[in-house]
């Protein structure tokens, strides 16, 4: 897994600044979807604090309802199958906090492990 590059962080910071200036757009403009790489393992659904992901017909389906755009589904997908609908500078960059386990995230979401 690749490390997040400074230019990727800059893109995200620019996005946050833009949303701060245009709150009417909110986070709903960011769409998430699963690609053909999705194997339906359900880890994305388990780490989603907004319960926005369901597994349907063996594939993750994201709804906008309650999405917090935390990107946990993207960062924790073992298949790198969850993507943003907006262009990503480095679509293979993912971040996993070294001191927070997937188990802790799932438990914090009050889901089973």
PDB file of N, CA and C in Angstrom:
ATOM      1  N   UNK A   1       0.835  -1.159   0.000  1.00  0.00           N
ATOM      2  CA  UNK A   1       0.000   0.000   0.000  1.00  0.00           C
ATOM      3  C   UNK A   1       0.895   1.241   0.000  1.00  0.00           C
ATOM      4  N   UNK A   2       0.546   2.196  -0.820  1.00  0.00           N
ATOM      5  CA  UNK A   2       1.352   3.404  -0.956  1.00  0.00           C
ATOM      6  C   UNK A   2       1.023   4.426   0.133  1.00  0.00           C
ATOM      7  N   UNK A   3       2.000   5.239   0.458  1.00  0.00           N
ATOM      8  CA  UNK A   3       1.782   6.313   1.426  1.00  0.00           C
ATOM      9  C   UNK A   3       1.095   7.489   0.743  1.00  0.00           C
ATOM     10  N   UNK A   4       0.371   8.258   1.535  1.00  0.00           N
ATOM     11  CA  UNK A   4      -0.275   9.454   1.004  1.00  0.00           C
ATOM     12  C   UNK A   4       0.795  10.486   0.678  1.00  0.00           C
ATOM     13  N   UNK A   5       0.738  11.019  -0.513  1.00  0.00           N
ATOM     14  CA  UNK A   5       1.717  12.005  -0.962  1.00  0.00           C
ATOM     15  C   UNK A   5       1.255  13.411  -0.588  1.00  0.00           C
ATOM     16  N   UNK A   6       2.204  14.325  -0.424  1.00  0.00           N
ATOM     17  CA  UNK A   6       1.832  15.699  -0.078  1.00  0.00           C
ATOM     18  C   UNK A   6       0.862  16.324  -1.081  1.00  0.00           C
ATOM     19  N   UNK A   7       1.011  16.014  -2.367  1.00  0.00           N
ATOM     20  CA  UNK A   7       0.107  16.595  -3.359  1.00  0.00           C
ATOM     21  C   UNK A   7      -1.314  16.047  -3.222  1.00  0.00           C
ATOM     22  N   UNK A   8      -1.448  14.797  -2.762  1.00  0.00           N
ATOM     23  CA  UNK A   8      -2.777  14.238  -2.511  1.00  0.00           C
ATOM     24  C   UNK A   8      -3.428  14.951  -1.331  1.00  0.00           C
ATOM     25  N   UNK A   9      -2.637  15.197  -0.300  1.00  0.00           N
ATOM     26  CA  UNK A   9      -3.143  15.912   0.855  1.00  0.00           C
ATOM     27  C   UNK A   9      -3.558  17.329   0.464  1.00  0.00           C
ATOM     28  N   UNK A  10      -2.783  17.952  -0.410  1.00  0.00           N
ATOM     29  CA  UNK A  10      -3.100  19.313  -0.867  1.00  0.00           C
ATOM     30  C   UNK A  10      -4.435  19.339  -1.610  1.00  0.00           C
ATOM     31  N   UNK A  11      -4.707  18.336  -2.422  1.00  0.00           N
ATOM     32  CA  UNK A  11      -5.982  18.262  -3.136  1.00  0.00           C
ATOM     33  C   UNK A  11      -7.124  18.190  -2.135  1.00  0.00           C
ATOM     34  N   UNK A  12      -6.975  17.365  -1.129  1.00  0.00           N
ATOM     35  CA  UNK A  12      -8.024  17.220  -0.113  1.00  0.00           C
ATOM     36  C   UNK A  12      -8.203  18.523   0.660  1.00  0.00           C
ATOM     37  N   UNK A  13      -7.106  19.169   1.025  1.00  0.00           N
ATOM     38  CA  UNK A  13      -7.203  20.433   1.756  1.00  0.00           C
ATOM     39  C   UNK A  13      -7.878  21.513   0.900  1.00  0.00           C
ATOM     40  N   UNK A  14      -7.582  21.527  -0.389  1.00  0.00           N
ATOM     41  CA  UNK A  14      -8.249  22.475  -1.290  1.00  0.00           C
ATOM     42  C   UNK A  14      -9.744  22.194  -1.363  1.00  0.00           C
ATOM     43  N   UNK A  15     -10.096  20.914  -1.387  1.00  0.00           N
ATOM     44  CA  UNK A  15     -11.501  20.537  -1.414  1.00  0.00           C
ATOM     45  C   UNK A  15     -12.209  21.014  -0.143  1.00  0.00           C
ATOM     46  N   UNK A  16     -11.564  20.794   1.009  1.00  0.00           N
ATOM     47  CA  UNK A  16     -12.166  21.240   2.265  1.00  0.00           C
ATOM     48  C   UNK A  16     -12.357  22.751   2.282  1.00  0.00           C
ATOM     49  N   UNK A  17     -11.377  23.482   1.753  1.00  0.00           N
ATOM     50  CA  UNK A  17     -11.489  24.941   1.696  1.00  0.00           C
ATOM     51  C   UNK A  17     -12.648  25.347   0.797  1.00  0.00           C
ATOM     52  N   UNK A  18     -12.794  24.674  -0.345  1.00  0.00           N
ATOM     53  CA  UNK A  18     -13.878  24.966  -1.275  1.00  0.00           C
ATOM     54  C   UNK A  18     -15.234  24.726  -0.621  1.00  0.00           C
ATOM     55  N   UNK A  19     -15.372  23.586   0.050  1.00  0.00           N
ATOM     56  CA  UNK A  19     -16.635  23.258   0.715  1.00  0.00           C
ATOM     57  C   UNK A  19     -16.919  24.266   1.827  1.00  0.00           C
ATOM     58  N   UNK A  20     -15.861  24.730   2.509  1.00  0.00           N
ATOM     59  CA  UNK A  20     -16.045  25.739   3.545  1.00  0.00           C
ATOM     60  C   UNK A  20     -16.602  27.037   2.990  1.00  0.00           C
ATOM     61  N   UNK A  21     -16.218  27.362   1.761  1.00  0.00           N
ATOM     62  CA  UNK A  21     -16.705  28.581   1.112  1.00  0.00           C
ATOM     63  C   UNK A  21     -18.072  28.391   0.471  1.00  0.00           C
ATOM     64  N   UNK A  22     -18.442  27.140   0.195  1.00  0.00           N
ATOM     65  CA  UNK A  22     -19.711  26.824  -0.470  1.00  0.00           C
ATOM     66  C   UNK A  22     -20.454  25.730   0.301  1.00  0.00           C
ATOM     67  N   UNK A  23     -20.902  26.037   1.506  1.00  0.00           N
ATOM     68  CA  UNK A  23     -21.547  25.003   2.323  1.00  0.00           C
ATOM     69  C   UNK A  23     -22.822  24.440   1.701  1.00  0.00           C
ATOM     70  N   UNK A  24     -23.415  25.186   0.773  1.00  0.00           N
ATOM     71  CA  UNK A  24     -24.634  24.683   0.136  1.00  0.00           C
ATOM     72  C   UNK A  24     -24.371  23.421  -0.683  1.00  0.00           C
ATOM     73  N   UNK A  25     -23.146  23.222  -1.071  1.00  0.00           N
ATOM     74  CA  UNK A  25     -22.804  22.008  -1.825  1.00  0.00           C
ATOM     75  C   UNK A  25     -22.621  20.823  -0.876  1.00  0.00           C
ATOM     76  N   UNK A  26     -22.078  21.099   0.275  1.00  0.00           N
ATOM     77  CA  UNK A  26     -21.899  20.066   1.290  1.00  0.00           C
ATOM     78  C   UNK A  26     -21.147  18.851   0.781  1.00  0.00           C
ATOM     79  N   UNK A  27     -21.185  17.824   1.580  1.00  0.00           N
ATOM     80  CA  UNK A  27     -20.468  16.588   1.249  1.00  0.00           C
ATOM     81  C   UNK A  27     -21.235  15.718   0.269  1.00  0.00           C
ATOM     82  N   UNK A  28     -22.478  16.047   0.022  1.00  0.00           N
ATOM     83  CA  UNK A  28     -23.297  15.213  -0.853  1.00  0.00           C
ATOM     84  C   UNK A  28     -22.800  15.206  -2.295  1.00  0.00           C
ATOM     85  N   UNK A  29     -21.918  16.119  -2.634  1.00  0.00           N
ATOM     86  CA  UNK A  29     -21.390  16.152  -3.999  1.00  0.00           C
ATOM     87  C   UNK A  29     -20.371  15.039  -4.241  1.00  0.00           C
ATOM     88  N   UNK A  30     -19.831  14.490  -3.176  1.00  0.00           N
ATOM     89  CA  UNK A  30     -18.861  13.408  -3.310  1.00  0.00           C
ATOM     90  C   UNK A  30     -19.635  12.095  -3.368  1.00  0.00           C
ATOM     91  N   UNK A  31     -19.446  11.368  -4.417  1.00  0.00           N
ATOM     92  CA  UNK A  31     -20.109  10.079  -4.576  1.00  0.00           C
ATOM     93  C   UNK A  31     -19.062   8.975  -4.463  1.00  0.00           C
ATOM     94  N   UNK A  32     -19.452   7.893  -3.847  1.00  0.00           N
ATOM     95  CA  UNK A  32     -18.584   6.734  -3.715  1.00  0.00           C
ATOM     96  C   UNK A  32     -19.224   5.581  -4.461  1.00  0.00           C
ATOM     97  N   UNK A  33     -18.412   4.725  -5.019  1.00  0.00           N
ATOM     98  CA  UNK A  33     -18.931   3.558  -5.721  1.00  0.00           C
ATOM     99  C   UNK A  33     -17.914   2.433  -5.655  1.00  0.00           C
ATOM    100  N   UNK A  34     -18.380   1.226  -5.863  1.00  0.00           N
ATOM    101  CA  UNK A  34     -17.466   0.087  -5.909  1.00  0.00           C
ATOM    102  C   UNK A  34     -17.217  -0.290  -7.365  1.00  0.00           C
ATOM    103  N   UNK A  35     -16.011  -0.710  -7.619  1.00  0.00           N
ATOM    104  CA  UNK A  35     -15.631  -1.114  -8.971  1.00  0.00           C
ATOM    105  C   UNK A  35     -15.805  -2.623  -9.128  1.00  0.00           C
ATOM    106  N   UNK A  36     -15.464  -3.110 -10.285  1.00  0.00           N
ATOM    107  CA  UNK A  36     -15.565  -4.541 -10.559  1.00  0.00           C
ATOM    108  C   UNK A  36     -14.627  -5.363  -9.670  1.00  0.00           C
ATOM    109  N   UNK A  37     -13.691  -4.703  -9.011  1.00  0.00           N
ATOM    110  CA  UNK A  37     -12.770  -5.405  -8.107  1.00  0.00           C
ATOM    111  C   UNK A  37     -13.453  -5.822  -6.808  1.00  0.00           C
ATOM    112  N   UNK A  38     -14.627  -5.267  -6.519  1.00  0.00           N
ATOM    113  CA  UNK A  38     -15.337  -5.567  -5.277  1.00  0.00           C
ATOM    114  C   UNK A  38     -15.714  -7.047  -5.243  1.00  0.00           C
ATOM    115  N   UNK A  39     -15.362  -7.689  -4.114  1.00  0.00           N
ATOM    116  CA  UNK A  39     -15.712  -9.106  -3.968  1.00  0.00           C
ATOM    117  C   UNK A  39     -16.811  -9.322  -2.920  1.00  0.00           C
ATOM    118  N   UNK A  40     -17.393  -8.210  -2.435  1.00  0.00           N
ATOM    119  CA  UNK A  40     -18.512  -8.320  -1.506  1.00  0.00           C
ATOM    120  C   UNK A  40     -18.134  -8.754  -0.105  1.00  0.00           C
ATOM    121  N   UNK A  41     -16.884  -8.532   0.307  1.00  0.00           N
ATOM    122  CA  UNK A  41     -16.443  -8.989   1.633  1.00  0.00           C
ATOM    123  C   UNK A  41     -17.162  -8.270   2.767  1.00  0.00           C
ATOM    124  N   UNK A  42     -17.631  -7.041   2.536  1.00  0.00           N
ATOM    125  CA  UNK A  42     -18.406  -6.312   3.525  1.00  0.00           C
ATOM    126  C   UNK A  42     -17.598  -5.501   4.525  1.00  0.00           C
ATOM    127  N   UNK A  43     -16.285  -5.482   4.410  1.00  0.00           N
ATOM    128  CA  UNK A  43     -15.475  -4.702   5.345  1.00  0.00           C
ATOM    129  C   UNK A  43     -15.815  -3.220   5.258  1.00  0.00           C
ATOM    130  N   UNK A  44     -16.079  -2.735   4.057  1.00  0.00           N
ATOM    131  CA  UNK A  44     -16.454  -1.320   3.890  1.00  0.00           C
ATOM    132  C   UNK A  44     -17.715  -1.003   4.682  1.00  0.00           C
ATOM    133  N   UNK A  45     -18.672  -1.901   4.672  1.00  0.00           N
ATOM    134  CA  UNK A  45     -19.913  -1.694   5.413  1.00  0.00           C
ATOM    135  C   UNK A  45     -19.666  -1.708   6.917  1.00  0.00           C
ATOM    136  N   UNK A  46     -18.739  -2.519   7.357  1.00  0.00           N
ATOM    137  CA  UNK A  46     -18.444  -2.613   8.788  1.00  0.00           C
ATOM    138  C   UNK A  46     -17.733  -1.373   9.318  1.00  0.00           C
ATOM    139  N   UNK A  47     -16.899  -0.743   8.493  1.00  0.00           N
ATOM    140  CA  UNK A  47     -16.166   0.435   8.974  1.00  0.00           C
ATOM    141  C   UNK A  47     -16.929   1.732   8.737  1.00  0.00           C
ATOM    142  N   UNK A  48     -18.055   1.671   8.063  1.00  0.00           N
ATOM    143  CA  UNK A  48     -18.842   2.876   7.762  1.00  0.00           C
ATOM    144  C   UNK A  48     -19.640   3.313   8.991  1.00  0.00           C
ATOM    145  N   UNK A  49     -19.324   4.481   9.565  1.00  0.00           N
ATOM    146  CA  UNK A  49     -20.063   4.930  10.752  1.00  0.00           C
ATOM    147  C   UNK A  49     -21.483   5.396  10.441  1.00  0.00           C
ATOM    148  N   UNK A  50     -21.775   5.679   9.181  1.00  0.00           N
ATOM    149  CA  UNK A  50     -23.105   6.160   8.806  1.00  0.00           C
ATOM    150  C   UNK A  50     -24.028   5.078   8.287  1.00  0.00           C
ATOM    151  N   UNK A  51     -23.558   3.828   8.278  1.00  0.00           N
ATOM    152  CA  UNK A  51     -24.345   2.706   7.751  1.00  0.00           C
ATOM    153  C   UNK A  51     -24.832   2.987   6.333  1.00  0.00           C
ATOM    154  N   UNK A  52     -23.959   3.488   5.505  1.00  0.00           N
ATOM    155  CA  UNK A  52     -24.306   3.889   4.141  1.00  0.00           C
ATOM    156  C   UNK A  52     -24.002   2.829   3.093  1.00  0.00           C
ATOM    157  N   UNK A  53     -23.478   1.694   3.517  1.00  0.00           N
ATOM    158  CA  UNK A  53     -23.059   0.683   2.550  1.00  0.00           C
ATOM    159  C   UNK A  53     -23.761  -0.630   2.850  1.00  0.00           C
ATOM    160  N   UNK A  54     -24.300  -1.213   1.811  1.00  0.00           N
ATOM    161  CA  UNK A  54     -24.923  -2.535   1.893  1.00  0.00           C
ATOM    162  C   UNK A  54     -24.291  -3.421   0.842  1.00  0.00           C
ATOM    163  N   UNK A  55     -24.277  -4.690   1.095  1.00  0.00           N
ATOM    164  CA  UNK A  55     -23.806  -5.641   0.099  1.00  0.00           C
ATOM    165  C   UNK A  55     -25.039  -6.181  -0.617  1.00  0.00           C
ATOM    166  N   UNK A  56     -25.100  -5.924  -1.903  1.00  0.00           N
ATOM    167  CA  UNK A  56     -26.221  -6.380  -2.722  1.00  0.00           C
ATOM    168  C   UNK A  56     -25.663  -7.128  -3.925  1.00  0.00           C
ATOM    169  N   UNK A  57     -26.159  -8.323  -4.124  1.00  0.00           N
ATOM    170  CA  UNK A  57     -25.710  -9.160  -5.242  1.00  0.00           C
ATOM    171  C   UNK A  57     -24.187  -9.305  -5.252  1.00  0.00           C
ATOM    172  N   UNK A  58     -23.607  -9.465  -4.046  1.00  0.00           N
ATOM    173  CA  UNK A  58     -22.172  -9.709  -3.942  1.00  0.00           C
ATOM    174  C   UNK A  58     -21.290  -8.496  -4.185  1.00  0.00           C
ATOM    175  N   UNK A  59     -21.869  -7.303  -4.072  1.00  0.00           N
ATOM    176  CA  UNK A  59     -21.088  -6.098  -4.331  1.00  0.00           C
ATOM    177  C   UNK A  59     -21.543  -4.962  -3.411  1.00  0.00           C
ATOM    178  N   UNK A  60     -20.595  -4.137  -2.991  1.00  0.00           N
ATOM    179  CA  UNK A  60     -20.910  -3.009  -2.115  1.00  0.00           C
ATOM    180  C   UNK A  60     -21.691  -1.951  -2.887  1.00  0.00           C
ATOM    181  N   UNK A  61     -22.778  -1.485  -2.264  1.00  0.00           N
ATOM    182  CA  UNK A  61     -23.598  -0.416  -2.831  1.00  0.00           C
ATOM    183  C   UNK A  61     -23.646   0.708  -1.800  1.00  0.00           C
ATOM    184  N   UNK A  62     -23.241   1.897  -2.208  1.00  0.00           N
ATOM    185  CA  UNK A  62     -23.180   3.057  -1.324  1.00  0.00           C
ATOM    186  C   UNK A  62     -24.400   3.930  -1.547  1.00  0.00           C
ATOM    187  N   UNK A  63     -25.003   4.383  -0.437  1.00  0.00           N
ATOM    188  CA  UNK A  63     -26.079   5.363  -0.521  1.00  0.00           C
ATOM    189  C   UNK A  63     -25.577   6.653   0.107  1.00  0.00           C
ATOM    190  N   UNK A  64     -26.124   7.755  -0.306  1.00  0.00           N
ATOM    191  CA  UNK A  64     -25.694   9.046   0.219  1.00  0.00           C
ATOM    192  C   UNK A  64     -26.260   9.329   1.602  1.00  0.00           C
ATOM    193  N   UNK A  65     -27.284   8.608   1.995  1.00  0.00           N
ATOM    194  CA  UNK A  65     -27.921   8.856   3.287  1.00  0.00           C
ATOM    195  C   UNK A  65     -26.914   8.699   4.416  1.00  0.00           C
ATOM    196  N   UNK A  66     -26.792   9.741   5.227  1.00  0.00           N
ATOM    197  CA  UNK A  66     -25.929   9.736   6.417  1.00  0.00           C
ATOM    198  C   UNK A  66     -24.440   9.611   6.128  1.00  0.00           C
ATOM    199  N   UNK A  67     -24.011   9.720   4.898  1.00  0.00           N
ATOM    200  CA  UNK A  67     -22.584   9.597   4.584  1.00  0.00           C
ATOM    201  C   UNK A  67     -21.826  10.764   5.219  1.00  0.00           C
ATOM    202  N   UNK A  68     -20.769  10.434   5.939  1.00  0.00           N
ATOM    203  CA  UNK A  68     -19.949  11.435   6.603  1.00  0.00           C
ATOM    204  C   UNK A  68     -18.667  11.723   5.817  1.00  0.00           C
ATOM    205  N   UNK A  69     -18.527  11.079   4.692  1.00  0.00           N
ATOM    206  CA  UNK A  69     -17.362  11.213   3.817  1.00  0.00           C
ATOM    207  C   UNK A  69     -16.078  11.079   4.632  1.00  0.00           C
ATOM    208  N   UNK A  70     -16.069  10.096   5.520  1.00  0.00           N
ATOM    209  CA  UNK A  70     -14.870   9.834   6.322  1.00  0.00           C
ATOM    210  C   UNK A  70     -13.840   9.058   5.508  1.00  0.00           C
ATOM    211  N   UNK A  71     -14.297   8.432   4.437  1.00  0.00           N
ATOM    212  CA  UNK A  71     -13.476   7.659   3.510  1.00  0.00           C
ATOM    213  C   UNK A  71     -12.915   6.377   4.114  1.00  0.00           C
ATOM    214  N   UNK A  72     -13.445   5.961   5.258  1.00  0.00           N
ATOM    215  CA  UNK A  72     -12.994   4.705   5.855  1.00  0.00           C
ATOM    216  C   UNK A  72     -13.221   3.536   4.898  1.00  0.00           C
ATOM    217  N   UNK A  73     -14.334   3.574   4.169  1.00  0.00           N
ATOM    218  CA  UNK A  73     -14.626   2.491   3.223  1.00  0.00           C
ATOM    219  C   UNK A  73     -13.544   2.405   2.146  1.00  0.00           C
ATOM    220  N   UNK A  74     -13.071   3.547   1.704  1.00  0.00           N
ATOM    221  CA  UNK A  74     -12.019   3.575   0.681  1.00  0.00           C
ATOM    222  C   UNK A  74     -10.701   3.086   1.257  1.00  0.00           C
ATOM    223  N   UNK A  75     -10.329   3.635   2.401  1.00  0.00           N
ATOM    224  CA  UNK A  75      -9.024   3.331   2.973  1.00  0.00           C
ATOM    225  C   UNK A  75      -8.888   1.893   3.452  1.00  0.00           C
ATOM    226  N   UNK A  76      -9.991   1.265   3.851  1.00  0.00           N
ATOM    227  CA  UNK A  76      -9.912  -0.084   4.411  1.00  0.00           C
ATOM    228  C   UNK A  76     -10.296  -1.192   3.443  1.00  0.00           C
ATOM    229  N   UNK A  77     -10.701  -0.854   2.241  1.00  0.00           N
ATOM    230  CA  UNK A  77     -11.081  -1.892   1.276  1.00  0.00           C
ATOM    231  C   UNK A  77      -9.852  -2.715   0.883  1.00  0.00           C
ATOM    232  N   UNK A  78      -9.855  -4.010   1.178  1.00  0.00           N
ATOM    233  CA  UNK A  78      -8.684  -4.835   0.856  1.00  0.00           C
ATOM    234  C   UNK A  78      -8.486  -5.036  -0.649  1.00  0.00           C
ATOM    235  N   UNK A  79      -9.525  -4.788  -1.435  1.00  0.00           N
ATOM    236  CA  UNK A  79      -9.429  -4.949  -2.884  1.00  0.00           C
ATOM    237  C   UNK A  79      -9.170  -3.626  -3.599  1.00  0.00           C
ATOM    238  N   UNK A  80      -9.125  -2.530  -2.837  1.00  0.00           N
ATOM    239  CA  UNK A  80      -8.988  -1.187  -3.419  1.00  0.00           C
ATOM    240  C   UNK A  80     -10.100  -0.966  -4.453  1.00  0.00           C
ATOM    241  N   UNK A  81     -11.303  -1.408  -4.090  1.00  0.00           N
ATOM    242  CA  UNK A  81     -12.422  -1.381  -5.035  1.00  0.00           C
ATOM    243  C   UNK A  81     -13.382  -0.221  -4.808  1.00  0.00           C
ATOM    244  N   UNK A  82     -13.314   0.430  -3.666  1.00  0.00           N
ATOM    245  CA  UNK A  82     -14.202   1.558  -3.401  1.00  0.00           C
ATOM    246  C   UNK A  82     -13.494   2.822  -3.867  1.00  0.00           C
ATOM    247  N   UNK A  83     -14.189   3.610  -4.670  1.00  0.00           N
ATOM    248  CA  UNK A  83     -13.582   4.794  -5.292  1.00  0.00           C
ATOM    249  C   UNK A  83     -14.460   6.021  -5.139  1.00  0.00           C
ATOM    250  N   UNK A  84     -13.824   7.174  -5.288  1.00  0.00           N
ATOM    251  CA  UNK A  84     -14.535   8.445  -5.348  1.00  0.00           C
ATOM    252  C   UNK A  84     -15.002   8.677  -6.775  1.00  0.00           C
ATOM    253  N   UNK A  85     -16.090   9.419  -6.917  1.00  0.00           N
ATOM    254  CA  UNK A  85     -16.557   9.752  -8.262  1.00  0.00           C
ATOM    255  C   UNK A  85     -15.797  10.938  -8.844  1.00  0.00           C
ATOM    256  N   UNK A  86     -15.077  11.658  -8.004  1.00  0.00           N
ATOM    257  CA  UNK A  86     -14.255  12.767  -8.481  1.00  0.00           C
ATOM    258  C   UNK A  86     -12.855  12.230  -8.760  1.00  0.00           C
ATOM    259  N   UNK A  87     -12.129  12.844  -9.684  1.00  0.00           N
ATOM    260  CA  UNK A  87     -10.789  12.336 -10.001  1.00  0.00           C
ATOM    261  C   UNK A  87      -9.875  12.348  -8.776  1.00  0.00           C
ATOM    262  N   UNK A  88      -9.153  11.260  -8.614  1.00  0.00           N
ATOM    263  CA  UNK A  88      -8.185  11.148  -7.531  1.00  0.00           C
ATOM    264  C   UNK A  88      -6.788  11.313  -8.133  1.00  0.00           C
ATOM    265  N   UNK A  89      -5.971  12.141  -7.511  1.00  0.00           N
ATOM    266  CA  UNK A  89      -4.612  12.344  -8.004  1.00  0.00           C
ATOM    267  C   UNK A  89      -3.844  11.023  -7.964  1.00  0.00           C
ATOM    268  N   UNK A  90      -3.991  10.293  -6.873  1.00  0.00           N
ATOM    269  CA  UNK A  90      -3.339   8.995  -6.738  1.00  0.00           C
ATOM    270  C   UNK A  90      -4.362   8.002  -6.198  1.00  0.00           C
ATOM    271  N   UNK A  91      -5.096   7.331  -7.081  1.00  0.00           N
ATOM    272  CA  UNK A  91      -6.173   6.445  -6.629  1.00  0.00           C
ATOM    273  C   UNK A  91      -5.693   5.233  -5.838  1.00  0.00           C
ATOM    274  N   UNK A  92      -4.393   4.958  -5.846  1.00  0.00           N
ATOM    275  CA  UNK A  92      -3.882   3.824  -5.093  1.00  0.00           C
ATOM    276  C   UNK A  92      -3.420   4.206  -3.691  1.00  0.00           C
ATOM    277  N   UNK A  93      -3.395   5.503  -3.371  1.00  0.00           N
ATOM    278  CA  UNK A  93      -2.964   5.941  -2.043  1.00  0.00           C
ATOM    279  C   UNK A  93      -4.063   5.657  -1.031  1.00  0.00           C
ATOM    280  N   UNK A  94      -3.700   5.016   0.037  1.00  0.00           N
ATOM    281  CA  UNK A  94      -4.627   4.711   1.106  1.00  0.00           C
ATOM    282  C   UNK A  94      -3.921   4.963   2.423  1.00  0.00           C
ATOM    283  N   UNK A  95      -4.690   5.346   3.443  1.00  0.00           N
ATOM    284  CA  UNK A  95      -4.105   5.620   4.741  1.00  0.00           C
ATOM    285  C   UNK A  95      -4.774   4.759   5.797  1.00  0.00           C
ATOM    286  N   UNK A  96      -3.972   4.068   6.559  1.00  0.00           N
ATOM    287  CA  UNK A  96      -4.428   3.289   7.702  1.00  0.00           C
ATOM    288  C   UNK A  96      -3.667   3.821   8.911  1.00  0.00           C
ATOM    289  N   UNK A  97      -4.387   4.334   9.900  1.00  0.00           N
ATOM    290  CA  UNK A  97      -3.734   4.870  11.087  1.00  0.00           C
ATOM    291  C   UNK A  97      -3.015   3.734  11.806  1.00  0.00           C
ATOM    292  N   UNK A  98      -1.734   3.896  12.093  1.00  0.00           N
ATOM    293  CA  UNK A  98      -0.967   2.790  12.684  1.00  0.00           C
ATOM    294  C   UNK A  98      -1.381   2.417  14.100  1.00  0.00           C
ATOM    295  N   UNK A  99      -2.113   3.285  14.798  1.00  0.00           N
ATOM    296  CA  UNK A  99      -2.477   2.989  16.176  1.00  0.00           C
ATOM    297  C   UNK A  99      -3.962   2.685  16.361  1.00  0.00           C
ATOM    298  N   UNK A 100      -4.704   2.591  15.260  1.00  0.00           N
ATOM    299  CA  UNK A 100      -6.127   2.259  15.345  1.00  0.00           C
ATOM    300  C   UNK A 100      -6.390   1.042  14.471  1.00  0.00           C
ATOM    301  N   UNK A 101      -6.877  -0.012  15.087  1.00  0.00           N
ATOM    302  CA  UNK A 101      -7.112  -1.246  14.338  1.00  0.00           C
ATOM    303  C   UNK A 101      -8.493  -1.234  13.682  1.00  0.00           C
ATOM    304  N   UNK A 102      -8.640  -2.048  12.677  1.00  0.00           N
ATOM    305  CA  UNK A 102      -9.942  -2.203  12.033  1.00  0.00           C
ATOM    306  C   UNK A 102     -10.969  -2.692  13.053  1.00  0.00           C
ATOM    307  N   UNK A 103     -10.543  -3.576  13.927  1.00  0.00           N
ATOM    308  CA  UNK A 103     -11.428  -4.097  14.974  1.00  0.00           C
ATOM    309  C   UNK A 103     -11.974  -2.958  15.840  1.00  0.00           C
ATOM    310  N   UNK A 104     -11.116  -2.003  16.205  1.00  0.00           N
ATOM    311  CA  UNK A 104     -11.562  -0.870  17.017  1.00  0.00           C
ATOM    312  C   UNK A 104     -12.570  -0.004  16.268  1.00  0.00           C
ATOM    313  N   UNK A 105     -12.360   0.199  14.982  1.00  0.00           N
ATOM    314  CA  UNK A 105     -13.288   0.997  14.177  1.00  0.00           C
ATOM    315  C   UNK A 105     -14.646   0.306  14.106  1.00  0.00           C
ATOM    316  N   UNK A 106     -14.632  -0.982  13.839  1.00  0.00           N
ATOM    317  CA  UNK A 106     -15.880  -1.738  13.733  1.00  0.00           C
ATOM    318  C   UNK A 106     -16.620  -1.735  15.064  1.00  0.00           C
ATOM    319  N   UNK A 107     -15.888  -1.917  16.158  1.00  0.00           N
ATOM    320  CA  UNK A 107     -16.523  -1.899  17.476  1.00  0.00           C
ATOM    321  C   UNK A 107     -17.066  -0.508  17.800  1.00  0.00           C
ATOM    322  N   UNK A 108     -16.351   0.549  17.405  1.00  0.00           N
ATOM    323  CA  UNK A 108     -16.827   1.907  17.649  1.00  0.00           C
ATOM    324  C   UNK A 108     -18.128   2.182  16.877  1.00  0.00           C
ATOM    325  N   UNK A 109     -18.295   1.516  15.753  1.00  0.00           N
ATOM    326  CA  UNK A 109     -19.509   1.637  14.960  1.00  0.00           C
ATOM    327  C   UNK A 109     -20.613   0.729  15.470  1.00  0.00           C
ATOM    328  N   UNK A 110     -20.343   0.047  16.577  1.00  0.00           N
ATOM    329  CA  UNK A 110     -21.280  -0.874  17.217  1.00  0.00           C
ATOM    330  C   UNK A 110     -21.728  -1.978  16.265  1.00  0.00           C
ATOM    331  N   UNK A 111     -20.745  -2.486  15.541  1.00  0.00           N
ATOM    332  CA  UNK A 111     -20.997  -3.611  14.651  1.00  0.00           C
ATOM    333  C   UNK A 111     -20.188  -4.787  15.182  1.00  0.00           C
ATOM    334  N   UNK A 112     -20.481  -5.971  14.740  1.00  0.00           N
ATOM    335  CA  UNK A 112     -19.765  -7.140  15.233  1.00  0.00           C
ATOM    336  C   UNK A 112     -18.499  -7.369  14.428  1.00  0.00           C
ATOM    337  N   UNK A 113     -17.565  -8.035  15.054  1.00  0.00           N
ATOM    338  CA  UNK A 113     -16.301  -8.361  14.387  1.00  0.00           C
ATOM    339  C   UNK A 113     -16.271  -9.841  14.115  1.00  0.00           C
TER     340      UNK A 113
END
